[in-house]
Every structure is written in structure tokens, then in C-alpha cells.
Amino acid sequence: MSVVEGRLIEVAQDLCRRTGRRPREAFMRRAVSTAYYAMFHALCRLCADTLIGGTHSKSDAWSRVYRGLSHTSTKKTLTNQKDLADLPSAVASYGVVFALLQQERETADYDPAPFRRYFVETETLVNQASSAIADLGRLDDENRRKLAAMLLIRARQ
């Protein structure tokens, strides 16, 4: 897990711990949203490091690839079982958690109704994100390249 994703997960975990037994709604909302963004940034970094190289992280090319992912198309790719068939099961598992957290993040960030996620539920989501990011980090180079290409380049029909 890189520094950015690691710190985002730490922030999400800290937000969970701050609430005690009576969760503050704003903390739970931010924890869920932050965990989602940790997952998204992990994918951005995977793509940029794989295609440009981590040693070039200050280059325009690296930044362009990093910023090349869109939330909607990333979710679509990560939940398309046909696309994921040639990749390890950890990628499909990542997709399940990513889609769940994206939905939860949208609720946390945009739904004005009371947020119905309490400490245990929120902590579980944060831990799922952390585990999925760790699993993503264990992909070999070939599978990283496949995943990066799938996420960044739309296949022709």
C-alpha cells in the first residue's frame, strides 16, 4: 500500500475510532468516503506506476495516467465478469468492494437523509477497503498491466 492510500485508510480508521459507541454521523460519512477514495487512488497509482513507472511519479505522463481513470468506467470494468476472467480472483473481489464502497460513498456524500451506518458497519467497510488494497498490491506485473489497460482503454465492441 502506498503512502497516499495508507494515509487515507488511516484517516478513515481514525474517524471510526473517534466516535466511540455513539457514532457521530459526520465521522461515519467521512470514513466511508475516505475509504472509497483510498481504493480509487490505489487503482490510479497502479495504472501510473505500471504504465509509466513509479520512479517517474513527478512527470506529466505519470500524472496524466494517474488522472486518467473515471469513477463510472472503473466501476463498470471492475464489475464486468467477462473482462475479469483472465485476472486473479483478487481483482473481482476488489471490484465487489469497490462497487459497494462507491455506492456507500455516494450515500455518505450526497444523501441528506440520516446516515444509517454505525461504528461496526463503517469499520467493516474501511477494513474491507484496506484488505482489497493490500490484495491489489500483491498482483504480479503481468496482471497489473492487464488491469491497467482494461481500466484506461475502452475495448471496441
Foldseek 3Di string as FASTA:
>chain_A
DDPQLVVLLVQLVVLLVVQPQHHDQLSLLSSLLSLLVSLLQLLLQLLLCLPPNPVCCVDPSSVCSSPQFDLVLQLVQQCPCVLCVPDDVLSVLSSVLNVVSVVSNCCSPPPPPGRPAHSVRSVVSSVSSVVSSVVVVPGDSVRSVSSSCSRRPPDDD
